[in-house]
Amino acid sequence: MNRISSIPVASLTELMSALSGEGPRTIELTTSVACPHAITLPPGFSLVGTDKDRSVLSFVNGDGIGLTANNRVANLTVIAAPAARAIYTQTRIADMGTLALANLAVTGQVSIITRTGTDKLNLVVDGLHIAACDARRYSEQPQKYGVNVYQGALTVYNFNGDADSRITASLSNISVGAKNAPVLGSGIFVSGFGDQAGQVELDTLTTGEVHSTGMLPYGTADMITGGVFIVYGVHAKRIEHFGDIVTYGVNDMVLDTWGTVDTWIAHAPVVSYGPSGIGFVNFGTVDTFHAEAEIMTYGLGARGFNQYDGTVRSARFKSIETFGNGSIGIQVSKPVGTITVDEDVTTHGSIGNTLVKGANVLLPAEAFSVKPGGVVEKLGVGGSLVTHGAKVTTYAVEGGRVLAIDIKGKVLAHGEGSDAVRVADKGSTPLTHVRASARAGNALREAGGEITDRTGFLAG
């Protein structure tokens, strides 16, 4: 077995000399070095720092560290321009082996993209903070549902259309941006080539805080971003968030998936400040989703939870609160299993503009909405469903069905011209009437809940 040599370097000259030697080897950066150009780690090379705070590698022009195969980068601060790639893949080796990133502080994008010619890559990341990044200029973007998706500050992307190509990944202790200082584009972005081709097997993703925005103009209908976006072609076994996930701009989803997720847990708040941002939006297949802290949205048309395509077997929320016109609390358009809210679903808006599948439409800020094609096996609410805006319905089933319901609190419509309940499908249980009525109120009370509204129309 060949012994892997360790080469300490303290200058640009020593760094370039170490990179040109025989491998495999570990290059140890002992101080701060400014590099006028990108560098490439040959196969089997590692680049590590003696101390992340004083081992600083800066790139004055263009990109930073290019990875080839079986590389490790650890214990470093890596600084490139925010719009450049600080760490990136630049080879088409059939099997790239394992790329390992650990204990890194980065400015610029971390871009792990495989293309035609690369069939295998194992990626292990443990400890990565990306302070600043602008990922909006990259042309490789997923397309579906009438929109494109910006890449992220951390991008893991199998861009090889071969059905047998695969990235396996474990991403731990990832944080992106800072409060009121988001990265531009998506935050964490993981994607395959398509629904079937170019797959990504994501064993685990754990994060601290993630702050992002796409800086999209208001009214944009064909571009979106995500704070954490699990795109098509991805099977994620477990995702956990231990810090706030926050988006700030137009069409900035907070948590979004077009792929498959077995278990997804948010231990900290999920927050959207921009128009048409959604706390959790699912176009894929999710077995279990649990938001242990609140989901809150503040922008126009920014909804709490949307089930647009695919399904979720069990979704549980602490609470959902929205503040913008058109900002629905929960909306379901496909069959799902159980939706549970431990506390309240509350909306404060009226009718407003929002993005739906690549088109801007007007929607009322309903607390709970089931559209045609939507089926909810059971809705359980530990608190109340509450709306405050004018001309909205708190509980609206419009062509879909709710098979069982258990609301411990009340269904309240406080706004002028608003209704507590509207049910337009006779297959729903226990609400089986076309319009809100005293009989509908009694039916819900019998199921363990209570309906009231601003006028008392449903009382008695």
Foldseek 3Di string as FASTA:
>chain_A
DDDAEEAEDAEPVSVVVVQPDDDDYEYEYEAEYEAAAEDERPANYEYEYPAAVGREYEYPDAEYYEYAANYEYERYEFEYAQAHAPYEYDYLAQERYEYEYEQYEYRYAPYYEYEPNHQEYEYEYAHYEYAEHAQQPDDDWDADLQATATAASYEAEYQYQALRGEYEYEAYAYEYHDVVGAYAGEHHYYYANAQRGGAYEYAEHEYAEFEYENPDDPPQQHYAYENHEAEHRYEYEEYEYRYEQEYEEARYEHAEYLYEYEEYEYAYEQEYEYAQYESYEYQHEYAEYEYNDEYEYEYALYEYYEDDHYEYAEYEYQEYEYEHFNYAHYEFEAEYEEYEYQEEQEYEHAWGWHHDSRDIDIHGHEHYEYEANYEYAEYYYNYEQEYREAPEEHAEYYNYEYAAYAYQEEQEAQYHNYYSYAHCDCNHPPQRDHGQALVSQVRRVVSNYGYAYNVRRNPD
